[in-house]
Amino acid sequence: MTAPLPGHTASTLHPLHATSLLQVNGLSLEYRSAQRVVRATHQVSFEVDRADRFVLLGPSGCGKSTLLKAVAGFIEPCEGQILLQGQPVKGPGPDRIVVFQEFDQLPPWKTVKQNVMFPLRVSGQLSRAEAQERAMHYLEKVGLAAFADAYPHTLSGGMKARVAIARALATQPQILLMDEPFAALDALTRRKMQEELLRLWEEVRFTLLFVTHSIEEALVVGNRILLLSPHPGRVRAEVHSHQYGMGSLGAGDFQASARRIHRLLFDESGEPEPAAWLDFNDIRIAY
């Protein structure tokens, strides 16, 4: 259950009865180890609207990546359901494209342009000429048009990340799923990629579901953040963070918000913090 924190206004932007692009209702996910069945998430619910930058944030092992894979259609829930445009998710589909943490998914024998074109040609969506035109359009968007004929082994980690994003966006999915996509990059490249992702979102206004365990990254990348408890993942709270951007890093209010999120994530008492400690624009507490 979610309820507004005393002294704050609960979100009215995403009521449960509204038709959201993505609805996750009471989702429990499990996986089997050699010894037992492990519950990864327990009765998680949230909604994502069009053009949202929705972040799943929590500590390692809370099931956030498992949730993303379930939305992608790779994992079947043991409880609850996932709806995309009101239709149950039954498996993977071109309406959901995943960008993973590892960028060695790019076939090394294909050029950058060929890598972006590949899913368009395999799916039969476009002719070769149309696929090439769209590939170049999105390579231009991510600033890699000049590297269209380069091979992946000649690119830096950040450039490979941009190719993966261009390839995903070129398929024009309903929702882009990103699983800690910048975690393997050095700090400077990671910040640059966050800037470029936000710039690209301003241009294209795609819908994003983004997984991270970095509070600072969640505040910068997301406009809404779902906080998940340590294993098994349960919803702790949802906060709106649209007031922050790359220019907020290091600011006093930004750091204060990061500390408050940390307390919400790891407070095991189950009691909401006093309202005076929490001055997010919009917040829901789960209990």
Protein backbone atom coordinates (compact mmCIF):
# COMPACT_ATOMS: atom_id res chain seq x y z
CA MET A 1 0.00 0.00 0.00
CA THR A 2 1.17 3.55 -0.59
CA ALA A 3 0.09 6.66 1.25
CA PRO A 4 1.24 10.29 1.22
CA LEU A 5 3.81 11.24 3.80
CA PRO A 6 2.23 13.54 6.41
CA GLY A 7 2.84 17.15 5.50
CA HIS A 8 3.33 16.39 1.81
CA THR A 9 1.13 16.11 -1.26
CA ALA A 10 0.79 12.65 -2.74
CA SER A 11 1.29 12.28 -6.47
CA THR A 12 -1.79 13.12 -8.52
CA LEU A 13 0.03 12.68 -11.82
CA HIS A 14 -0.19 8.89 -11.91
CA PRO A 15 -3.41 7.71 -10.21
CA LEU A 16 -4.03 4.00 -10.20
CA HIS A 17 -7.14 4.31 -12.36
CA ALA A 18 -5.34 6.23 -15.11
CA THR A 19 -4.16 4.44 -18.22
CA SER A 20 -0.38 4.41 -18.00
CA LEU A 21 1.96 3.13 -20.69
CA LEU A 22 3.33 0.47 -18.31
CA GLN A 23 1.57 -0.94 -15.27
CA VAL A 24 3.23 -3.37 -12.87
CA ASN A 25 0.71 -4.78 -10.40
CA GLY A 26 1.64 -6.80 -7.29
CA LEU A 27 4.64 -8.38 -9.00
CA SER A 28 6.52 -11.15 -7.20
CA LEU A 29 9.50 -12.77 -8.92
CA GLU A 30 11.43 -15.89 -7.93
CA TYR A 31 14.41 -17.83 -9.16
CA ARG A 32 15.66 -21.29 -8.27
CA SER A 33 19.13 -21.92 -6.86
CA ALA A 34 20.68 -25.34 -6.32
CA GLN A 35 19.34 -25.44 -2.76
CA ARG A 36 16.07 -23.49 -2.77
CA VAL A 37 13.69 -21.08 -4.43
CA VAL A 38 14.66 -17.46 -3.78
CA ARG A 39 12.13 -14.63 -3.89
CA ALA A 40 13.70 -11.66 -5.67
CA THR A 41 10.80 -9.18 -5.37
CA HIS A 42 7.59 -9.20 -3.36
CA GLN A 43 4.34 -7.62 -4.57
CA VAL A 44 5.92 -4.64 -6.32
CA SER A 45 3.56 -2.17 -8.02
CA PHE A 46 4.24 0.97 -10.06
CA GLU A 47 3.18 2.77 -13.23
CA VAL A 48 5.20 4.46 -15.94
CA ASP A 49 3.65 7.15 -18.16
CA ARG A 50 4.79 8.18 -21.62
CA ALA A 51 8.01 10.22 -21.63
CA ASP A 52 8.72 9.32 -17.99
CA ARG A 53 12.29 8.79 -16.89
CA PHE A 54 11.42 6.21 -14.27
CA VAL A 55 14.23 4.86 -12.10
CA LEU A 56 14.32 1.64 -10.08
CA LEU A 57 16.72 2.33 -7.22
CA GLY A 58 17.87 0.00 -4.50
CA PRO A 59 20.84 -1.86 -3.02
CA SER A 60 22.48 -4.83 -4.71
CA GLY A 61 20.28 -7.91 -4.55
CA CYS A 62 16.96 -6.05 -4.21
CA GLY A 63 15.66 -7.44 -7.51
CA LYS A 64 15.67 -4.27 -9.59
CA SER A 65 17.44 -5.89 -12.57
CA THR A 66 15.13 -8.89 -12.24
CA LEU A 67 12.17 -6.50 -12.41
CA LEU A 68 13.58 -4.95 -15.57
CA LYS A 69 14.02 -8.38 -17.16
CA ALA A 70 10.43 -9.25 -16.25
CA VAL A 71 9.20 -6.07 -17.96
CA ALA A 72 11.33 -7.05 -20.97
CA GLY A 73 9.51 -10.40 -21.01
CA PHE A 74 12.52 -12.56 -20.14
CA ILE A 75 11.17 -13.71 -16.74
CA GLU A 76 7.65 -14.91 -15.94
CA PRO A 77 6.14 -13.60 -12.67
CA CYS A 78 5.02 -16.04 -9.99
CA GLU A 79 2.47 -13.46 -8.81
CA GLY A 80 0.96 -10.28 -10.25
CA GLN A 81 1.01 -8.97 -13.80
CA ILE A 82 2.71 -6.55 -16.18
CA LEU A 83 0.61 -4.56 -18.64
CA LEU A 84 1.97 -2.57 -21.56
CA GLN A 85 -0.64 -0.30 -23.11
CA GLY A 86 -3.22 -2.33 -21.21
CA GLN A 87 -2.08 -5.67 -22.70
CA PRO A 88 -0.38 -8.39 -20.61
CA VAL A 89 3.33 -8.88 -21.27
CA LYS A 90 3.75 -12.50 -22.38
CA GLY A 91 7.36 -12.43 -23.60
CA PRO A 92 9.99 -10.28 -25.30
CA GLY A 93 8.90 -7.93 -28.05
CA PRO A 94 10.14 -5.03 -30.19
CA ASP A 95 8.03 -2.62 -28.11
CA ARG A 96 10.60 -3.06 -25.28
CA ILE A 97 14.31 -2.79 -26.01
CA VAL A 98 16.98 -3.42 -23.36
CA VAL A 99 20.37 -1.72 -23.07
CA PHE A 100 22.49 -3.81 -20.73
CA GLN A 101 25.54 -2.91 -18.68
CA GLU A 102 27.87 -4.82 -21.01
CA PHE A 103 28.41 -3.30 -24.44
CA ASP A 104 30.23 -6.28 -25.99
CA GLN A 105 26.80 -7.20 -27.37
CA LEU A 106 27.83 -5.31 -30.53
CA PRO A 107 28.91 -7.88 -33.16
CA PRO A 108 32.57 -7.00 -33.79
CA TRP A 109 32.43 -7.88 -37.50
CA LYS A 110 29.76 -5.22 -38.14
CA THR A 111 30.45 -1.51 -38.41
CA VAL A 112 28.71 0.98 -36.13
CA LYS A 113 26.11 1.71 -38.82
CA GLN A 114 25.57 -1.99 -39.53
CA ASN A 115 25.09 -2.66 -35.81
CA VAL A 116 22.35 -0.03 -35.62
CA MET A 117 20.75 -1.28 -38.85
CA PHE A 118 20.83 -4.95 -37.88
CA PRO A 119 17.62 -5.21 -35.75
CA LEU A 120 15.74 -3.10 -38.30
CA ARG A 121 16.67 -5.45 -41.13
CA VAL A 122 16.16 -8.69 -39.16
CA SER A 123 12.68 -7.63 -38.07
CA GLY A 124 11.76 -6.78 -41.64
CA GLN A 125 10.51 -3.36 -40.53
CA LEU A 126 12.41 -1.41 -43.15
CA SER A 127 14.13 -1.77 -46.48
CA ARG A 128 17.91 -1.52 -46.54
CA ALA A 129 17.81 2.10 -47.65
CA GLU A 130 15.23 3.01 -44.99
CA ALA A 131 17.20 1.19 -42.29
CA GLN A 132 20.38 3.01 -43.29
CA GLU A 133 18.61 6.36 -43.20
CA ARG A 134 17.17 5.72 -39.76
CA ALA A 135 20.48 4.38 -38.43
CA MET A 136 22.28 7.51 -39.55
CA HIS A 137 19.55 9.67 -38.01
CA TYR A 138 20.07 8.14 -34.56
CA LEU A 139 23.86 8.03 -34.89
CA GLU A 140 23.64 11.76 -35.55
CA LYS A 141 21.52 12.12 -32.41
CA VAL A 142 24.18 10.43 -30.26
CA GLY A 143 27.04 12.26 -31.95
CA LEU A 144 28.56 9.28 -33.76
CA ALA A 145 27.69 9.93 -37.40
CA ALA A 146 31.40 10.42 -38.15
CA PHE A 147 32.10 6.90 -36.80
CA ALA A 148 29.41 5.12 -38.83
CA ASP A 149 32.00 2.99 -40.67
CA ALA A 150 34.16 2.27 -37.63
CA TYR A 151 34.24 -1.15 -35.94
CA PRO A 152 33.36 -1.66 -32.23
CA HIS A 153 36.93 -2.57 -31.19
CA THR A 154 38.08 0.92 -32.21
CA LEU A 155 35.56 2.65 -29.91
CA SER A 156 35.85 3.71 -26.28
CA GLY A 157 33.44 2.37 -23.67
CA GLY A 158 31.38 5.54 -23.78
CA MET A 159 31.13 5.41 -27.57
CA LYS A 160 30.00 1.77 -27.44
CA ALA A 161 27.34 2.84 -24.96
CA ARG A 162 26.13 5.49 -27.39
CA VAL A 163 25.98 2.94 -30.22
CA ALA A 164 23.87 0.65 -28.01
CA ILE A 165 21.51 3.53 -27.21
CA ALA A 166 21.27 4.54 -30.89
CA ARG A 167 20.53 0.94 -31.88
CA ALA A 168 17.81 0.70 -29.23
CA LEU A 169 16.16 4.00 -30.14
CA ALA A 170 16.31 3.24 -33.88
CA THR A 171 13.80 0.44 -33.36
CA GLN A 172 11.45 3.08 -31.89
CA PRO A 173 10.28 0.98 -28.91
CA GLN A 174 7.39 1.96 -26.68
CA ILE A 175 9.79 1.92 -23.73
CA LEU A 176 13.59 1.85 -23.45
CA LEU A 177 14.89 -0.39 -20.65
CA MET A 178 18.38 0.35 -19.30
CA ASP A 179 20.04 -1.96 -16.76
CA GLU A 180 22.83 0.00 -15.03
CA PRO A 181 24.11 0.97 -18.47
CA PHE A 182 26.94 3.22 -17.26
CA ALA A 183 28.13 1.17 -14.26
CA ALA A 184 31.23 -0.18 -16.04
CA LEU A 185 32.40 3.28 -17.18
CA ASP A 186 34.89 5.50 -15.39
CA ALA A 187 33.46 8.41 -13.38
CA LEU A 188 34.11 11.10 -16.01
CA THR A 189 32.69 9.05 -18.88
CA ARG A 190 29.72 8.05 -16.75
CA ARG A 191 28.87 11.69 -16.08
CA LYS A 192 29.25 12.52 -19.77
CA MET A 193 26.90 9.66 -20.69
CA GLN A 194 24.32 10.87 -18.18
CA GLU A 195 24.48 14.32 -19.79
CA GLU A 196 24.09 12.85 -23.26
CA LEU A 197 21.19 10.63 -22.21
CA LEU A 198 19.32 13.64 -20.81
CA ARG A 199 20.09 15.72 -23.89
CA LEU A 200 18.82 12.91 -26.10
CA TRP A 201 15.67 12.57 -24.00
CA GLU A 202 15.01 16.32 -24.42
CA GLU A 203 15.14 15.83 -28.19
CA VAL A 204 13.28 12.53 -28.59
CA ARG A 205 11.15 12.32 -25.42
CA PHE A 206 11.30 8.52 -25.26
CA THR A 207 9.98 6.60 -22.25
CA LEU A 208 12.75 5.27 -20.04
CA LEU A 209 12.87 2.61 -17.32
CA PHE A 210 16.33 2.84 -15.77
CA VAL A 211 17.98 0.63 -13.14
CA THR A 212 20.74 1.89 -10.86
CA HIS A 213 22.10 1.45 -7.34
CA SER A 214 23.53 4.99 -7.33
CA ILE A 215 21.36 7.52 -5.50
CA GLU A 216 23.07 10.44 -7.23
CA GLU A 217 22.55 8.90 -10.68
CA ALA A 218 18.89 8.25 -9.88
CA LEU A 219 18.33 11.89 -8.89
CA VAL A 220 20.03 13.17 -12.04
CA VAL A 221 18.59 10.74 -14.61
CA GLY A 222 15.08 10.23 -13.26
CA ASN A 223 12.01 12.37 -12.90
CA ARG A 224 10.43 9.62 -10.76
CA ILE A 225 12.30 7.18 -8.52
CA LEU A 226 10.95 3.95 -7.05
CA LEU A 227 12.86 2.99 -3.91
CA LEU A 228 13.18 -0.77 -3.31
CA SER A 229 14.08 -2.38 0.01
CA PRO A 230 16.96 -4.82 0.46
CA HIS A 231 16.22 -8.41 -0.56
CA PRO A 232 13.53 -9.35 -1.27
CA GLY A 233 12.69 -6.12 -3.06
CA ARG A 234 9.59 -4.35 -1.79
CA VAL A 235 8.48 -0.81 -2.57
CA ARG A 236 9.75 1.55 0.12
CA ALA A 237 8.62 4.81 -1.48
CA GLU A 238 8.28 6.72 -4.71
CA VAL A 239 9.73 10.23 -5.02
CA HIS A 240 9.64 12.83 -7.77
CA SER A 241 13.03 14.29 -8.65
CA HIS A 242 12.24 16.41 -11.73
CA GLN A 243 13.72 19.46 -10.00
CA TYR A 244 17.25 18.07 -10.36
CA GLY A 245 19.60 17.87 -13.32
CA MET A 246 23.32 17.69 -14.09
CA GLY A 247 23.77 21.20 -12.73
CA SER A 248 22.43 20.07 -9.35
CA LEU A 249 25.40 17.81 -8.55
CA GLY A 250 27.20 19.08 -5.47
CA ALA A 251 24.46 21.53 -4.49
CA GLY A 252 23.36 21.50 -0.87
CA ASP A 253 19.72 20.58 -1.55
CA PHE A 254 20.80 17.81 -3.92
CA GLN A 255 23.09 16.27 -1.30
CA ALA A 256 20.41 16.62 1.35
CA SER A 257 17.94 14.78 -0.89
CA ALA A 258 20.50 12.02 -1.47
CA ARG A 259 20.89 11.58 2.29
CA ARG A 260 17.12 11.46 2.77
CA ILE A 261 16.74 8.80 0.08
CA HIS A 262 19.48 6.79 1.78
CA ARG A 263 17.53 6.93 5.06
CA LEU A 264 14.34 5.86 3.28
CA LEU A 265 16.14 2.93 1.62
CA PHE A 266 17.89 1.59 4.70
CA ASP A 267 15.64 2.55 7.61
CA GLU A 268 14.54 -0.84 8.92
CA SER A 269 12.11 0.57 11.50
CA GLY A 270 9.31 0.75 8.97
CA GLU A 271 8.31 4.19 10.25
CA PRO A 272 8.20 7.15 7.84
CA GLU A 273 10.65 9.93 8.61
CA PRO A 274 9.35 13.17 10.11
CA ALA A 275 8.04 15.49 7.42
CA ALA A 276 10.60 18.12 8.33
CA TRP A 277 13.34 15.79 7.12
CA LEU A 278 11.76 15.27 3.71
CA ASP A 279 11.07 18.15 1.39
CA PHE A 280 10.75 16.38 -1.96
CA ASN A 281 8.21 17.96 -4.27
CA ASP A 282 6.16 14.79 -4.31
CA ILE A 283 6.52 11.57 -2.36
CA ARG A 284 4.65 8.39 -1.56
CA ILE A 285 5.68 6.16 1.31
CA ALA A 286 5.00 2.42 1.11
CA TYR A 287 4.24 0.52 4.28
